[in-house]
Amino acid sequence: MRTPRILRCVAIALLVGVPVTGCNAPASGSPATQGSVPLSPTIAPSPTTRPRSTGSIPSPSAGATSASSPEALFDWIAEDDDALRALGIVVITSALREEEGTVHVGLSTERPDAEDVIVARYGPAIVVEVIDPTGAYLKPRGTIDLLVTDEQGRGLEAGIGLTPLFAEIPLDSIGYQTDSKGRFHADDQLPGPWRLTAQAPGFEPGSVDVDVAPGAVVTATIELQHSS
């Protein structure tokens, strides 16, 4: 049995429990630099094998009947990103379940009828879950500027974690770090509420919640307290 292929993966930074000593590269392969890292939850190139269709968008009935197998349906969904975006839907994750004969997709959309739209378009072999009901993937990205300090306002080199509060998006465990002056810059961030965490040796962990508006820059400060 072949391992299910993952069409798209989310690369959102998340620090898990311990400080980090350097910046890891995001899952998308873009290099991360200390204190200033691209945190775009990117969609990886799809491993499709069917040639990209040209001309008009296939109708739901044509899509459902032309997919001769779950593999063909998986590939067809991979090629359909532009058409789905025009419908107000983005496929965040997709997995081929060959043993079930199904394709499972996770969506970002504000449409309450998104599941019906997807099933009508691709047929009953598709299993739908709305992961992000805010449609964040369809909106302009924002920027986060964070400063981590001690009680006297001096910048601290600290490990950083970001957790989305607007949706249950699959997370990759990737640690990030401020620069030596406690500054952290995150470009290309999905809009919505986020929880930022920071921790450094000798200090209690700290956190702050921010709301990233589409196309805007949000600034925040986390003041860490010395451990008793």
C-alpha atoms as a PDB file:
ATOM      1  CA  MET A   1       0.000   0.000   0.000  1.00  0.00           C
ATOM      2  CA  ARG A   2       1.390   3.390  -0.982  1.00  0.00           C
ATOM      3  CA  THR A   3       1.634   6.163   1.570  1.00  0.00           C
ATOM      4  CA  PRO A   4      -1.108   8.777   0.977  1.00  0.00           C
ATOM      5  CA  ARG A   5       0.247  11.793  -0.868  1.00  0.00           C
ATOM      6  CA  ILE A   6      -0.180  15.160   0.771  1.00  0.00           C
ATOM      7  CA  LEU A   7      -1.249  17.842  -1.649  1.00  0.00           C
ATOM      8  CA  ARG A   8      -0.850  20.865   0.529  1.00  0.00           C
ATOM      9  CA  CYS A   9       0.733  21.402   3.910  1.00  0.00           C
ATOM     10  CA  VAL A  10       0.526  24.314   6.303  1.00  0.00           C
ATOM     11  CA  ALA A  11       3.803  25.735   7.562  1.00  0.00           C
ATOM     12  CA  ILE A  12       2.837  27.762  10.591  1.00  0.00           C
ATOM     13  CA  ALA A  13       5.441  28.386  13.270  1.00  0.00           C
ATOM     14  CA  LEU A  14       4.760  26.803  16.675  1.00  0.00           C
ATOM     15  CA  LEU A  15       7.208  26.550  19.603  1.00  0.00           C
ATOM     16  CA  VAL A  16       6.558  23.466  21.721  1.00  0.00           C
ATOM     17  CA  GLY A  17       7.602  23.730  25.312  1.00  0.00           C
ATOM     18  CA  VAL A  18      11.350  24.420  25.169  1.00  0.00           C
ATOM     19  CA  PRO A  19      13.568  27.311  24.089  1.00  0.00           C
ATOM     20  CA  VAL A  20      15.317  27.042  20.767  1.00  0.00           C
ATOM     21  CA  THR A  21      18.869  28.070  20.006  1.00  0.00           C
ATOM     22  CA  GLY A  22      18.443  28.924  16.359  1.00  0.00           C
ATOM     23  CA  CYS A  23      15.917  29.253  13.598  1.00  0.00           C
ATOM     24  CA  ASN A  24      14.797  26.214  11.672  1.00  0.00           C
ATOM     25  CA  ALA A  25      13.804  26.412   8.025  1.00  0.00           C
ATOM     26  CA  PRO A  26      10.058  26.450   7.405  1.00  0.00           C
ATOM     27  CA  ALA A  27       8.518  23.336   5.977  1.00  0.00           C
ATOM     28  CA  SER A  28       8.144  25.095   2.647  1.00  0.00           C
ATOM     29  CA  GLY A  29      11.950  25.132   2.277  1.00  0.00           C
ATOM     30  CA  SER A  30      12.383  28.910   2.582  1.00  0.00           C
ATOM     31  CA  PRO A  31      15.396  29.775   4.756  1.00  0.00           C
ATOM     32  CA  ALA A  32      14.542  31.326   8.138  1.00  0.00           C
ATOM     33  CA  THR A  33      16.855  33.961   9.531  1.00  0.00           C
ATOM     34  CA  GLN A  34      17.220  34.794  13.204  1.00  0.00           C
ATOM     35  CA  GLY A  35      14.822  37.498  14.318  1.00  0.00           C
ATOM     36  CA  SER A  36      13.153  37.877  10.925  1.00  0.00           C
ATOM     37  CA  VAL A  37      11.498  34.857   9.399  1.00  0.00           C
ATOM     38  CA  PRO A  38       8.913  34.223   6.693  1.00  0.00           C
ATOM     39  CA  LEU A  39       5.973  32.507   8.393  1.00  0.00           C
ATOM     40  CA  SER A  40       3.665  32.132   5.450  1.00  0.00           C
ATOM     41  CA  PRO A  41       1.509  29.025   5.780  1.00  0.00           C
ATOM     42  CA  THR A  42       2.422  27.988   2.272  1.00  0.00           C
ATOM     43  CA  ILE A  43       0.876  25.407   0.019  1.00  0.00           C
ATOM     44  CA  ALA A  44       3.437  22.976  -1.293  1.00  0.00           C
ATOM     45  CA  PRO A  45       3.519  22.153  -5.018  1.00  0.00           C
ATOM     46  CA  SER A  46       1.118  19.328  -5.722  1.00  0.00           C
ATOM     47  CA  PRO A  47       2.536  16.014  -6.974  1.00  0.00           C
ATOM     48  CA  THR A  48       0.027  15.746  -9.791  1.00  0.00           C
ATOM     49  CA  THR A  49       0.417  13.424 -12.734  1.00  0.00           C
ATOM     50  CA  ARG A  50      -2.547  14.334 -14.918  1.00  0.00           C
ATOM     51  CA  PRO A  51      -1.945  17.058 -17.535  1.00  0.00           C
ATOM     52  CA  ARG A  52      -3.510  20.401 -16.604  1.00  0.00           C
ATOM     53  CA  SER A  53      -6.775  20.830 -18.425  1.00  0.00           C
ATOM     54  CA  THR A  54      -7.390  23.851 -20.589  1.00  0.00           C
ATOM     55  CA  GLY A  55     -10.476  25.740 -21.595  1.00  0.00           C
ATOM     56  CA  SER A  56     -13.633  25.995 -19.528  1.00  0.00           C
ATOM     57  CA  ILE A  57     -13.944  24.711 -15.974  1.00  0.00           C
ATOM     58  CA  PRO A  58     -15.446  21.198 -15.931  1.00  0.00           C
ATOM     59  CA  SER A  59     -19.006  20.983 -14.627  1.00  0.00           C
ATOM     60  CA  PRO A  60     -19.694  19.048 -11.403  1.00  0.00           C
ATOM     61  CA  SER A  61     -21.091  16.096 -13.333  1.00  0.00           C
ATOM     62  CA  ALA A  62     -18.134  16.059 -15.715  1.00  0.00           C
ATOM     63  CA  GLY A  63     -15.687  16.209 -12.809  1.00  0.00           C
ATOM     64  CA  ALA A  64     -17.379  13.396 -10.934  1.00  0.00           C
ATOM     65  CA  THR A  65     -17.615  11.056 -13.921  1.00  0.00           C
ATOM     66  CA  SER A  66     -14.219  11.823 -15.461  1.00  0.00           C
ATOM     67  CA  ALA A  67     -12.320  10.802 -12.317  1.00  0.00           C
ATOM     68  CA  SER A  68     -11.851   7.123 -13.114  1.00  0.00           C
ATOM     69  CA  SER A  69     -10.153   6.399  -9.775  1.00  0.00           C
ATOM     70  CA  PRO A  70      -9.417   8.070  -6.424  1.00  0.00           C
ATOM     71  CA  GLU A  71      -5.923   8.794  -7.752  1.00  0.00           C
ATOM     72  CA  ALA A  72      -7.382  10.625 -10.764  1.00  0.00           C
ATOM     73  CA  LEU A  73      -9.731  12.564  -8.488  1.00  0.00           C
ATOM     74  CA  PHE A  74      -6.816  13.523  -6.223  1.00  0.00           C
ATOM     75  CA  ASP A  75      -4.873  14.808  -9.211  1.00  0.00           C
ATOM     76  CA  TRP A  76      -7.870  16.670 -10.625  1.00  0.00           C
ATOM     77  CA  ILE A  77      -8.438  18.500  -7.325  1.00  0.00           C
ATOM     78  CA  ALA A  78      -4.764  19.502  -7.374  1.00  0.00           C
ATOM     79  CA  GLU A  79      -5.278  21.243 -10.705  1.00  0.00           C
ATOM     80  CA  ASP A  80      -8.505  22.972  -9.677  1.00  0.00           C
ATOM     81  CA  ASP A  81      -7.131  25.590  -7.256  1.00  0.00           C
ATOM     82  CA  ASP A  82      -7.977  28.668  -9.352  1.00  0.00           C
ATOM     83  CA  ALA A  83     -11.539  27.512  -9.996  1.00  0.00           C
ATOM     84  CA  LEU A  84     -12.116  26.803  -6.306  1.00  0.00           C
ATOM     85  CA  ARG A  85     -10.726  30.188  -5.283  1.00  0.00           C
ATOM     86  CA  ALA A  86     -13.210  31.788  -7.652  1.00  0.00           C
ATOM     87  CA  LEU A  87     -15.895  29.982  -5.647  1.00  0.00           C
ATOM     88  CA  GLY A  88     -14.485  31.322  -2.355  1.00  0.00           C
ATOM     89  CA  ILE A  89     -12.831  28.050  -1.308  1.00  0.00           C
ATOM     90  CA  VAL A  90      -9.194  27.078  -0.735  1.00  0.00           C
ATOM     91  CA  VAL A  91      -8.068  23.475  -0.225  1.00  0.00           C
ATOM     92  CA  ILE A  92      -5.512  23.586   2.620  1.00  0.00           C
ATOM     93  CA  THR A  93      -4.871  19.857   2.953  1.00  0.00           C
ATOM     94  CA  SER A  94      -5.622  16.873   0.766  1.00  0.00           C
ATOM     95  CA  ALA A  95      -4.900  13.198   1.313  1.00  0.00           C
ATOM     96  CA  LEU A  96      -5.547  10.137  -0.823  1.00  0.00           C
ATOM     97  CA  ARG A  97      -6.991   7.223   1.162  1.00  0.00           C
ATOM     98  CA  GLU A  98      -6.517   4.380  -1.260  1.00  0.00           C
ATOM     99  CA  GLU A  99      -7.760   1.742   1.176  1.00  0.00           C
ATOM    100  CA  GLU A 100     -11.062   3.640   1.450  1.00  0.00           C
ATOM    101  CA  GLY A 101     -11.230   4.762  -2.163  1.00  0.00           C
ATOM    102  CA  THR A 102     -11.676   8.365  -1.012  1.00  0.00           C
ATOM    103  CA  VAL A 103      -9.934  11.736  -1.031  1.00  0.00           C
ATOM    104  CA  HIS A 104     -10.036  13.791   2.205  1.00  0.00           C
ATOM    105  CA  VAL A 105      -9.751  17.584   1.927  1.00  0.00           C
ATOM    106  CA  GLY A 106      -9.522  20.368   4.502  1.00  0.00           C
ATOM    107  CA  LEU A 107     -10.899  23.754   3.457  1.00  0.00           C
ATOM    108  CA  SER A 108     -10.515  27.450   4.202  1.00  0.00           C
ATOM    109  CA  THR A 109     -13.795  29.188   3.383  1.00  0.00           C
ATOM    110  CA  GLU A 110     -16.574  31.336   4.791  1.00  0.00           C
ATOM    111  CA  ARG A 111     -19.201  29.572   2.707  1.00  0.00           C
ATOM    112  CA  PRO A 112     -21.699  27.646   4.860  1.00  0.00           C
ATOM    113  CA  ASP A 113     -22.509  25.438   1.853  1.00  0.00           C
ATOM    114  CA  ALA A 114     -18.873  24.597   1.047  1.00  0.00           C
ATOM    115  CA  GLU A 115     -19.262  20.868   1.700  1.00  0.00           C
ATOM    116  CA  ASP A 116     -22.239  20.660  -0.629  1.00  0.00           C
ATOM    117  CA  VAL A 117     -20.364  22.618  -3.317  1.00  0.00           C
ATOM    118  CA  ILE A 118     -17.333  20.301  -3.133  1.00  0.00           C
ATOM    119  CA  VAL A 119     -19.348  17.076  -3.140  1.00  0.00           C
ATOM    120  CA  ALA A 120     -21.474  18.303  -6.050  1.00  0.00           C
ATOM    121  CA  ARG A 121     -18.346  19.230  -7.977  1.00  0.00           C
ATOM    122  CA  TYR A 122     -16.253  16.108  -7.367  1.00  0.00           C
ATOM    123  CA  GLY A 123     -18.705  13.388  -6.407  1.00  0.00           C
ATOM    124  CA  PRO A 124     -19.273  11.191  -3.326  1.00  0.00           C
ATOM    125  CA  ALA A 125     -15.695   9.893  -3.138  1.00  0.00           C
ATOM    126  CA  ILE A 126     -14.566  13.144  -1.486  1.00  0.00           C
ATOM    127  CA  VAL A 127     -14.666  13.718   2.287  1.00  0.00           C
ATOM    128  CA  VAL A 128     -14.786  17.373   3.337  1.00  0.00           C
ATOM    129  CA  GLU A 129     -13.758  19.175   6.539  1.00  0.00           C
ATOM    130  CA  VAL A 130     -13.798  22.955   6.940  1.00  0.00           C
ATOM    131  CA  ILE A 131     -10.593  23.615   8.898  1.00  0.00           C
ATOM    132  CA  ASP A 132     -10.679  27.412   8.644  1.00  0.00           C
ATOM    133  CA  PRO A 133     -14.223  28.836   8.677  1.00  0.00           C
ATOM    134  CA  THR A 134     -12.892  32.415   8.505  1.00  0.00           C
ATOM    135  CA  GLY A 135     -11.579  32.103   4.938  1.00  0.00           C
ATOM    136  CA  ALA A 136      -8.199  33.478   6.042  1.00  0.00           C
ATOM    137  CA  TYR A 137      -6.412  31.927   3.056  1.00  0.00           C
ATOM    138  CA  LEU A 138      -8.464  34.115   0.720  1.00  0.00           C
ATOM    139  CA  LYS A 139      -7.545  37.395   2.437  1.00  0.00           C
ATOM    140  CA  PRO A 140      -4.458  39.655   2.261  1.00  0.00           C
ATOM    141  CA  ARG A 141      -1.688  38.641   4.655  1.00  0.00           C
ATOM    142  CA  GLY A 142      -0.485  40.764   7.577  1.00  0.00           C
ATOM    143  CA  THR A 143       2.741  41.277   9.534  1.00  0.00           C
ATOM    144  CA  ILE A 144       3.669  40.743  13.194  1.00  0.00           C
ATOM    145  CA  ASP A 145       6.431  42.742  14.929  1.00  0.00           C
ATOM    146  CA  LEU A 146       7.201  41.439  18.415  1.00  0.00           C
ATOM    147  CA  LEU A 147       9.603  42.651  21.122  1.00  0.00           C
ATOM    148  CA  VAL A 148      10.573  40.451  24.090  1.00  0.00           C
ATOM    149  CA  THR A 149      11.983  42.205  27.165  1.00  0.00           C
ATOM    150  CA  ASP A 150      12.809  41.645  30.831  1.00  0.00           C
ATOM    151  CA  GLU A 151      11.245  43.625  33.689  1.00  0.00           C
ATOM    152  CA  GLN A 152      13.550  46.569  33.020  1.00  0.00           C
ATOM    153  CA  GLY A 153      12.614  46.751  29.352  1.00  0.00           C
ATOM    154  CA  ARG A 154      15.882  45.265  28.088  1.00  0.00           C
ATOM    155  CA  GLY A 155      15.569  43.125  24.994  1.00  0.00           C
ATOM    156  CA  LEU A 156      15.896  39.370  25.525  1.00  0.00           C
ATOM    157  CA  GLU A 157      16.927  36.655  23.127  1.00  0.00           C
ATOM    158  CA  ALA A 158      14.023  34.224  23.414  1.00  0.00           C
ATOM    159  CA  GLY A 159      12.274  31.341  21.717  1.00  0.00           C
ATOM    160  CA  ILE A 160       9.025  32.295  19.978  1.00  0.00           C
ATOM    161  CA  GLY A 161       5.863  30.346  19.220  1.00  0.00           C
ATOM    162  CA  LEU A 162       2.783  31.370  17.221  1.00  0.00           C
ATOM    163  CA  THR A 163      -0.586  29.639  17.506  1.00  0.00           C
ATOM    164  CA  PRO A 164      -3.655  30.567  15.423  1.00  0.00           C
ATOM    165  CA  LEU A 165      -6.801  31.093  17.478  1.00  0.00           C
ATOM    166  CA  PHE A 166      -9.145  31.583  14.526  1.00  0.00           C
ATOM    167  CA  ALA A 167      -9.142  28.017  13.232  1.00  0.00           C
ATOM    168  CA  GLU A 168      -7.932  24.522  13.915  1.00  0.00           C
ATOM    169  CA  ILE A 169      -5.243  24.591  11.246  1.00  0.00           C
ATOM    170  CA  PRO A 170      -2.743  21.713  11.123  1.00  0.00           C
ATOM    171  CA  LEU A 171       0.503  22.888  12.684  1.00  0.00           C
ATOM    172  CA  ASP A 172       4.108  22.027  12.058  1.00  0.00           C
ATOM    173  CA  SER A 173       6.303  22.183  15.158  1.00  0.00           C
ATOM    174  CA  ILE A 174       8.857  24.778  14.084  1.00  0.00           C
ATOM    175  CA  GLY A 175      10.717  26.902  16.624  1.00  0.00           C
ATOM    176  CA  TYR A 176      11.810  30.486  16.024  1.00  0.00           C
ATOM    177  CA  GLN A 177      13.973  32.932  17.905  1.00  0.00           C
ATOM    178  CA  THR A 178      14.290  36.652  18.389  1.00  0.00           C
ATOM    179  CA  ASP A 179      17.489  38.475  17.543  1.00  0.00           C
ATOM    180  CA  SER A 180      19.921  39.458  20.293  1.00  0.00           C
ATOM    181  CA  LYS A 181      17.843  42.587  21.022  1.00  0.00           C
ATOM    182  CA  GLY A 182      14.603  40.679  21.516  1.00  0.00           C
ATOM    183  CA  ARG A 183      13.058  41.602  18.165  1.00  0.00           C
ATOM    184  CA  PHE A 184      11.012  39.224  16.059  1.00  0.00           C
ATOM    185  CA  HIS A 185       9.456  39.965  12.656  1.00  0.00           C
ATOM    186  CA  ALA A 186       6.919  37.720  10.878  1.00  0.00           C
ATOM    187  CA  ASP A 187       5.861  38.599   7.339  1.00  0.00           C
ATOM    188  CA  ASP A 188       3.072  37.117   5.238  1.00  0.00           C
ATOM    189  CA  GLN A 189       0.910  36.117   8.202  1.00  0.00           C
ATOM    190  CA  LEU A 190      -2.665  34.871   7.878  1.00  0.00           C
ATOM    191  CA  PRO A 191      -5.211  37.414   9.176  1.00  0.00           C
ATOM    192  CA  GLY A 192      -7.013  36.680  12.429  1.00  0.00           C
ATOM    193  CA  PRO A 193      -6.263  36.308  16.152  1.00  0.00           C
ATOM    194  CA  TRP A 194      -2.964  34.704  17.172  1.00  0.00           C
ATOM    195  CA  ARG A 195      -1.320  33.810  20.479  1.00  0.00           C
ATOM    196  CA  LEU A 196       2.387  34.658  20.647  1.00  0.00           C
ATOM    197  CA  THR A 197       4.531  32.935  23.275  1.00  0.00           C
ATOM    198  CA  ALA A 198       8.095  33.589  24.420  1.00  0.00           C
ATOM    199  CA  GLN A 199      10.484  31.926  26.826  1.00  0.00           C
ATOM    200  CA  ALA A 200      14.106  32.285  27.765  1.00  0.00           C
ATOM    201  CA  PRO A 201      16.399  30.571  30.289  1.00  0.00           C
ATOM    202  CA  GLY A 202      15.974  32.016  33.775  1.00  0.00           C
ATOM    203  CA  PHE A 203      12.561  33.554  33.009  1.00  0.00           C
ATOM    204  CA  GLU A 204       8.957  32.498  33.335  1.00  0.00           C
ATOM    205  CA  PRO A 205       7.230  31.936  29.958  1.00  0.00           C
ATOM    206  CA  GLY A 206       5.074  34.780  28.686  1.00  0.00           C
ATOM    207  CA  SER A 207       2.420  35.279  26.024  1.00  0.00           C
ATOM    208  CA  VAL A 208       0.269  37.891  24.332  1.00  0.00           C
ATOM    209  CA  ASP A 209      -2.738  37.674  22.006  1.00  0.00           C
ATOM    210  CA  VAL A 210      -2.826  39.815  18.870  1.00  0.00           C
ATOM    211  CA  ASP A 211      -5.307  40.326  16.049  1.00  0.00           C
ATOM    212  CA  VAL A 212      -3.699  40.480  12.610  1.00  0.00           C
ATOM    213  CA  ALA A 213      -5.835  42.556  10.258  1.00  0.00           C
ATOM    214  CA  PRO A 214      -5.684  41.826   6.499  1.00  0.00           C
ATOM    215  CA  GLY A 215      -2.767  43.726   4.960  1.00  0.00           C
ATOM    216  CA  ALA A 216      -1.850  45.425   8.257  1.00  0.00           C
ATOM    217  CA  VAL A 217       1.103  45.413  10.683  1.00  0.00           C
ATOM    218  CA  VAL A 218       0.499  44.576  14.349  1.00  0.00           C
ATOM    219  CA  THR A 219       3.093  45.290  17.059  1.00  0.00           C
ATOM    220  CA  ALA A 220       3.284  43.614  20.454  1.00  0.00           C
ATOM    221  CA  THR A 221       5.577  43.275  23.473  1.00  0.00           C
ATOM    222  CA  ILE A 222       6.044  40.335  25.834  1.00  0.00           C
ATOM    223  CA  GLU A 223       7.668  41.167  29.182  1.00  0.00           C
ATOM    224  CA  LEU A 224       9.230  38.122  30.808  1.00  0.00           C
ATOM    225  CA  GLN A 225       9.618  37.859  34.590  1.00  0.00           C
ATOM    226  CA  HIS A 226      12.674  36.326  36.239  1.00  0.00           C
ATOM    227  CA  SER A 227      12.041  32.876  37.688  1.00  0.00           C
ATOM    228  CA  SER A 228      11.773  32.852  41.475  1.00  0.00           C
END
